[in-house]
Amino acid sequence: MDGNWIWLAVLVVLLYLGERLVVTHDPGRVARTAALLAAWLVVTLPTLAIVHFLTYLATSAMLFTLGREAAAICSVACVALLVATPIVTALLVRRGQHWLVAPTDPARS
């Protein structure tokens, strides 16, 4: 079951893009949405890997130096950090979206 979670995420992304294709009929909008989702995935996955590695090190260090109680508090903080990481990367991608997709209006460029 552990290996199936990635396919669930892929399915959700494909369902979202399919819904956009059906509802909007605007290929430019779908392309922008796909570019934002792809950029978010490209930024989030390595960031989550790095954050997970660092939080694992921090929790292990707390466990072996300060004890179980400090490690438990550190674990709660690490979970909060891991939950916040995709949200922060989404905000960063959304803020920098003008770099991802070329403007469709020639007067703006």
N, C-alpha and C. Protein backbone atom coordinates (compact mmCIF):
# COMPACT_ATOMS: atom_id res chain seq x y z
N MET A 1 0.81 -1.20 0.00
CA MET A 1 0.00 0.00 0.00
C MET A 1 0.86 1.26 0.00
N ASP A 2 2.06 1.20 0.56
CA ASP A 2 2.89 2.39 0.64
C ASP A 2 3.29 2.92 -0.73
N GLY A 3 3.47 2.04 -1.69
CA GLY A 3 3.88 2.48 -3.02
C GLY A 3 2.75 3.05 -3.85
N ASN A 4 1.52 2.95 -3.39
CA ASN A 4 0.38 3.43 -4.18
C ASN A 4 0.04 4.89 -3.95
N TRP A 5 0.60 5.52 -2.95
CA TRP A 5 0.27 6.92 -2.65
C TRP A 5 0.68 7.85 -3.77
N ILE A 6 1.81 7.58 -4.43
CA ILE A 6 2.25 8.44 -5.52
C ILE A 6 1.26 8.38 -6.67
N TRP A 7 0.68 7.21 -6.91
CA TRP A 7 -0.29 7.10 -8.00
C TRP A 7 -1.58 7.83 -7.66
N LEU A 8 -1.92 7.91 -6.41
CA LEU A 8 -3.08 8.68 -6.00
C LEU A 8 -2.86 10.17 -6.30
N ALA A 9 -1.68 10.66 -6.02
CA ALA A 9 -1.36 12.05 -6.32
C ALA A 9 -1.38 12.31 -7.83
N VAL A 10 -0.83 11.39 -8.60
CA VAL A 10 -0.84 11.53 -10.07
C VAL A 10 -2.28 11.53 -10.57
N LEU A 11 -3.12 10.68 -10.03
CA LEU A 11 -4.51 10.61 -10.43
C LEU A 11 -5.23 11.92 -10.13
N VAL A 12 -4.99 12.51 -8.97
CA VAL A 12 -5.62 13.77 -8.62
C VAL A 12 -5.20 14.87 -9.58
N VAL A 13 -3.92 14.93 -9.93
CA VAL A 13 -3.44 15.94 -10.87
C VAL A 13 -4.07 15.74 -12.24
N LEU A 14 -4.13 14.51 -12.71
CA LEU A 14 -4.73 14.24 -14.01
C LEU A 14 -6.22 14.55 -14.03
N LEU A 15 -6.91 14.23 -12.95
CA LEU A 15 -8.33 14.57 -12.87
C LEU A 15 -8.55 16.07 -12.88
N TYR A 16 -7.68 16.79 -12.20
CA TYR A 16 -7.81 18.25 -12.18
C TYR A 16 -7.56 18.83 -13.57
N LEU A 17 -6.52 18.37 -14.24
CA LEU A 17 -6.24 18.87 -15.59
C LEU A 17 -7.36 18.48 -16.55
N GLY A 18 -7.89 17.28 -16.42
CA GLY A 18 -9.00 16.87 -17.26
C GLY A 18 -10.23 17.73 -17.03
N GLU A 19 -10.48 18.06 -15.79
CA GLU A 19 -11.62 18.93 -15.47
C GLU A 19 -11.42 20.31 -16.09
N ARG A 20 -10.21 20.81 -16.05
CA ARG A 20 -9.92 22.11 -16.66
C ARG A 20 -10.13 22.07 -18.17
N LEU A 21 -9.74 20.97 -18.80
CA LEU A 21 -9.93 20.83 -20.24
C LEU A 21 -11.42 20.82 -20.60
N VAL A 22 -12.22 20.14 -19.82
CA VAL A 22 -13.64 20.04 -20.12
C VAL A 22 -14.35 21.36 -19.84
N VAL A 23 -14.03 22.00 -18.74
CA VAL A 23 -14.76 23.18 -18.33
C VAL A 23 -14.38 24.42 -19.13
N THR A 24 -13.09 24.63 -19.37
CA THR A 24 -12.67 25.91 -19.93
C THR A 24 -12.64 25.95 -21.45
N HIS A 25 -12.28 24.88 -22.09
CA HIS A 25 -12.07 24.86 -23.54
C HIS A 25 -11.06 25.92 -23.98
N ASP A 26 -10.22 26.34 -23.09
CA ASP A 26 -9.20 27.35 -23.38
C ASP A 26 -7.84 26.70 -23.22
N PRO A 27 -7.18 26.33 -24.33
CA PRO A 27 -5.91 25.63 -24.19
C PRO A 27 -4.83 26.47 -23.51
N GLY A 28 -4.90 27.77 -23.65
CA GLY A 28 -3.91 28.62 -22.99
C GLY A 28 -4.04 28.56 -21.48
N ARG A 29 -5.26 28.53 -21.01
CA ARG A 29 -5.49 28.47 -19.57
C ARG A 29 -5.06 27.11 -19.00
N VAL A 30 -5.35 26.06 -19.75
CA VAL A 30 -4.94 24.73 -19.32
C VAL A 30 -3.42 24.63 -19.31
N ALA A 31 -2.77 25.23 -20.30
CA ALA A 31 -1.31 25.21 -20.34
C ALA A 31 -0.73 25.97 -19.14
N ARG A 32 -1.33 27.09 -18.79
CA ARG A 32 -0.86 27.83 -17.62
C ARG A 32 -1.06 27.03 -16.35
N THR A 33 -2.21 26.37 -16.24
CA THR A 33 -2.47 25.55 -15.06
C THR A 33 -1.49 24.39 -14.99
N ALA A 34 -1.24 23.75 -16.12
CA ALA A 34 -0.29 22.63 -16.14
C ALA A 34 1.12 23.11 -15.82
N ALA A 35 1.49 24.29 -16.30
CA ALA A 35 2.81 24.83 -16.00
C ALA A 35 2.95 25.14 -14.52
N LEU A 36 1.90 25.69 -13.92
CA LEU A 36 1.96 25.98 -12.49
C LEU A 36 2.04 24.70 -11.66
N LEU A 37 1.25 23.69 -12.03
CA LEU A 37 1.31 22.42 -11.30
C LEU A 37 2.66 21.74 -11.47
N ALA A 38 3.20 21.76 -12.68
CA ALA A 38 4.51 21.15 -12.91
C ALA A 38 5.59 21.89 -12.13
N ALA A 39 5.54 23.21 -12.15
CA ALA A 39 6.53 23.99 -11.40
C ALA A 39 6.41 23.73 -9.91
N TRP A 40 5.17 23.63 -9.42
CA TRP A 40 4.98 23.36 -8.00
C TRP A 40 5.55 21.99 -7.63
N LEU A 41 5.31 20.98 -8.47
CA LEU A 41 5.86 19.65 -8.20
C LEU A 41 7.38 19.65 -8.24
N VAL A 42 7.95 20.35 -9.23
CA VAL A 42 9.40 20.39 -9.36
C VAL A 42 10.04 21.09 -8.16
N VAL A 43 9.39 22.08 -7.62
CA VAL A 43 9.93 22.79 -6.46
C VAL A 43 9.64 22.02 -5.16
N THR A 44 8.45 21.46 -5.04
CA THR A 44 8.02 20.85 -3.78
C THR A 44 8.72 19.53 -3.49
N LEU A 45 8.85 18.67 -4.46
CA LEU A 45 9.41 17.34 -4.19
C LEU A 45 10.84 17.38 -3.65
N PRO A 46 11.77 18.11 -4.28
CA PRO A 46 13.11 18.17 -3.68
C PRO A 46 13.13 18.92 -2.34
N THR A 47 12.29 19.94 -2.23
CA THR A 47 12.23 20.68 -0.97
C THR A 47 11.72 19.79 0.16
N LEU A 48 10.69 18.99 -0.11
CA LEU A 48 10.20 18.06 0.90
C LEU A 48 11.26 17.03 1.27
N ALA A 49 12.01 16.56 0.30
CA ALA A 49 13.07 15.59 0.60
C ALA A 49 14.13 16.20 1.51
N ILE A 50 14.51 17.43 1.22
CA ILE A 50 15.53 18.11 2.04
C ILE A 50 14.99 18.39 3.44
N VAL A 51 13.76 18.89 3.51
CA VAL A 51 13.15 19.20 4.82
C VAL A 51 12.98 17.92 5.63
N HIS A 52 12.56 16.84 4.98
CA HIS A 52 12.40 15.57 5.69
C HIS A 52 13.74 15.08 6.25
N PHE A 53 14.78 15.18 5.46
CA PHE A 53 16.10 14.76 5.91
C PHE A 53 16.57 15.61 7.10
N LEU A 54 16.40 16.92 7.00
CA LEU A 54 16.84 17.80 8.08
C LEU A 54 16.00 17.60 9.35
N THR A 55 14.70 17.39 9.19
CA THR A 55 13.88 17.17 10.38
C THR A 55 14.19 15.82 11.03
N TYR A 56 14.53 14.83 10.22
CA TYR A 56 14.95 13.53 10.77
C TYR A 56 16.23 13.69 11.58
N LEU A 57 17.18 14.44 11.03
CA LEU A 57 18.42 14.68 11.77
C LEU A 57 18.17 15.45 13.07
N ALA A 58 17.30 16.46 12.99
CA ALA A 58 17.01 17.26 14.19
C ALA A 58 16.32 16.41 15.26
N THR A 59 15.37 15.61 14.85
CA THR A 59 14.66 14.76 15.82
C THR A 59 15.59 13.72 16.43
N SER A 60 16.45 13.13 15.62
CA SER A 60 17.41 12.16 16.14
C SER A 60 18.40 12.81 17.10
N ALA A 61 18.86 14.00 16.76
CA ALA A 61 19.79 14.71 17.64
C ALA A 61 19.12 15.04 18.97
N MET A 62 17.86 15.48 18.91
CA MET A 62 17.14 15.78 20.15
C MET A 62 16.92 14.53 21.00
N LEU A 63 16.63 13.42 20.34
CA LEU A 63 16.39 12.18 21.06
C LEU A 63 17.64 11.72 21.80
N PHE A 64 18.78 11.77 21.14
CA PHE A 64 19.99 11.25 21.74
C PHE A 64 20.71 12.24 22.65
N THR A 65 20.35 13.52 22.57
CA THR A 65 21.01 14.48 23.46
C THR A 65 20.12 14.93 24.62
N LEU A 66 18.85 15.20 24.36
CA LEU A 66 17.99 15.76 25.39
C LEU A 66 16.91 14.81 25.90
N GLY A 67 16.66 13.72 25.19
CA GLY A 67 15.70 12.74 25.68
C GLY A 67 14.41 12.69 24.89
N ARG A 68 13.52 11.82 25.38
CA ARG A 68 12.27 11.55 24.67
C ARG A 68 11.33 12.75 24.62
N GLU A 69 11.23 13.47 25.70
CA GLU A 69 10.30 14.59 25.74
C GLU A 69 10.67 15.66 24.72
N ALA A 70 11.95 16.00 24.68
CA ALA A 70 12.40 17.00 23.70
C ALA A 70 12.23 16.49 22.28
N ALA A 71 12.46 15.20 22.06
CA ALA A 71 12.27 14.62 20.73
C ALA A 71 10.81 14.63 20.33
N ALA A 72 9.91 14.42 21.28
CA ALA A 72 8.47 14.46 20.98
C ALA A 72 8.05 15.87 20.57
N ILE A 73 8.54 16.87 21.29
CA ILE A 73 8.23 18.26 20.94
C ILE A 73 8.82 18.60 19.57
N CYS A 74 10.03 18.14 19.33
CA CYS A 74 10.68 18.37 18.04
C CYS A 74 9.92 17.66 16.92
N SER A 75 9.39 16.48 17.19
CA SER A 75 8.61 15.75 16.18
C SER A 75 7.36 16.51 15.79
N VAL A 76 6.69 17.09 16.76
CA VAL A 76 5.49 17.88 16.47
C VAL A 76 5.85 19.09 15.61
N ALA A 77 6.93 19.76 15.96
CA ALA A 77 7.38 20.90 15.17
C ALA A 77 7.78 20.47 13.76
N CYS A 78 8.40 19.31 13.63
CA CYS A 78 8.83 18.81 12.32
C CYS A 78 7.63 18.46 11.45
N VAL A 79 6.60 17.88 12.05
CA VAL A 79 5.39 17.56 11.28
C VAL A 79 4.74 18.85 10.78
N ALA A 80 4.70 19.86 11.63
CA ALA A 80 4.16 21.15 11.21
C ALA A 80 4.97 21.74 10.06
N LEU A 81 6.27 21.61 10.13
CA LEU A 81 7.15 22.11 9.07
C LEU A 81 6.94 21.33 7.78
N LEU A 82 6.78 20.02 7.88
CA LEU A 82 6.55 19.22 6.68
C LEU A 82 5.18 19.51 6.06
N VAL A 83 4.19 19.80 6.87
CA VAL A 83 2.87 20.16 6.34
C VAL A 83 2.91 21.54 5.69
N ALA A 84 3.68 22.45 6.24
CA ALA A 84 3.74 23.81 5.71
C ALA A 84 4.58 23.92 4.44
N THR A 85 5.47 22.99 4.20
CA THR A 85 6.37 23.09 3.05
C THR A 85 5.63 23.15 1.71
N PRO A 86 4.66 22.27 1.41
CA PRO A 86 3.96 22.39 0.12
C PRO A 86 3.16 23.68 -0.01
N ILE A 87 2.65 24.18 1.09
CA ILE A 87 1.89 25.43 1.06
C ILE A 87 2.81 26.60 0.73
N VAL A 88 3.97 26.63 1.36
CA VAL A 88 4.93 27.70 1.11
C VAL A 88 5.45 27.64 -0.33
N THR A 89 5.75 26.45 -0.82
CA THR A 89 6.22 26.36 -2.20
C THR A 89 5.12 26.75 -3.18
N ALA A 90 3.86 26.45 -2.86
CA ALA A 90 2.76 26.88 -3.73
C ALA A 90 2.67 28.40 -3.78
N LEU A 91 2.85 29.04 -2.63
CA LEU A 91 2.83 30.50 -2.61
C LEU A 91 4.00 31.09 -3.39
N LEU A 92 5.16 30.46 -3.28
CA LEU A 92 6.32 30.95 -4.03
C LEU A 92 6.13 30.78 -5.53
N VAL A 93 5.59 29.66 -5.95
CA VAL A 93 5.35 29.43 -7.38
C VAL A 93 4.29 30.39 -7.88
N ARG A 94 3.25 30.57 -7.10
CA ARG A 94 2.19 31.48 -7.51
C ARG A 94 2.68 32.91 -7.61
N ARG A 95 3.56 33.28 -6.71
CA ARG A 95 4.12 34.62 -6.73
C ARG A 95 5.03 34.84 -7.93
N GLY A 96 5.73 33.79 -8.34
CA GLY A 96 6.65 33.90 -9.47
C GLY A 96 6.09 33.36 -10.77
N GLN A 97 4.77 33.25 -10.89
CA GLN A 97 4.19 32.63 -12.07
C GLN A 97 4.42 33.43 -13.34
N HIS A 98 4.70 34.69 -13.26
CA HIS A 98 4.94 35.46 -14.48
C HIS A 98 6.23 35.03 -15.18
N TRP A 99 7.10 34.31 -14.47
CA TRP A 99 8.31 33.78 -15.10
C TRP A 99 8.03 32.49 -15.85
N LEU A 100 6.95 31.79 -15.51
CA LEU A 100 6.70 30.46 -16.05
C LEU A 100 6.06 30.46 -17.42
N VAL A 101 5.08 31.31 -17.62
CA VAL A 101 4.29 31.27 -18.84
C VAL A 101 4.39 32.62 -19.54
N ALA A 102 4.62 32.57 -20.84
CA ALA A 102 4.71 33.79 -21.62
C ALA A 102 3.33 34.47 -21.65
N PRO A 103 3.30 35.80 -21.66
CA PRO A 103 2.02 36.49 -21.70
C PRO A 103 1.32 36.24 -23.05
N THR A 104 -0.01 36.12 -23.00
CA THR A 104 -0.76 35.88 -24.23
C THR A 104 -1.11 37.17 -24.93
N ASP A 105 -1.07 38.28 -24.24
CA ASP A 105 -1.38 39.57 -24.83
C ASP A 105 -0.09 40.18 -25.36
N PRO A 106 0.04 40.39 -26.70
CA PRO A 106 1.29 40.94 -27.24
C PRO A 106 1.57 42.36 -26.78
N ALA A 107 0.53 43.10 -26.39
CA ALA A 107 0.73 44.46 -25.92
C ALA A 107 1.43 44.52 -24.57
N ARG A 108 1.32 43.44 -23.79
CA ARG A 108 1.92 43.41 -22.46
C ARG A 108 3.40 43.12 -22.49
N SER A 109 3.90 42.53 -23.57
CA SER A 109 5.31 42.14 -23.59
C SER A 109 6.22 43.17 -24.17
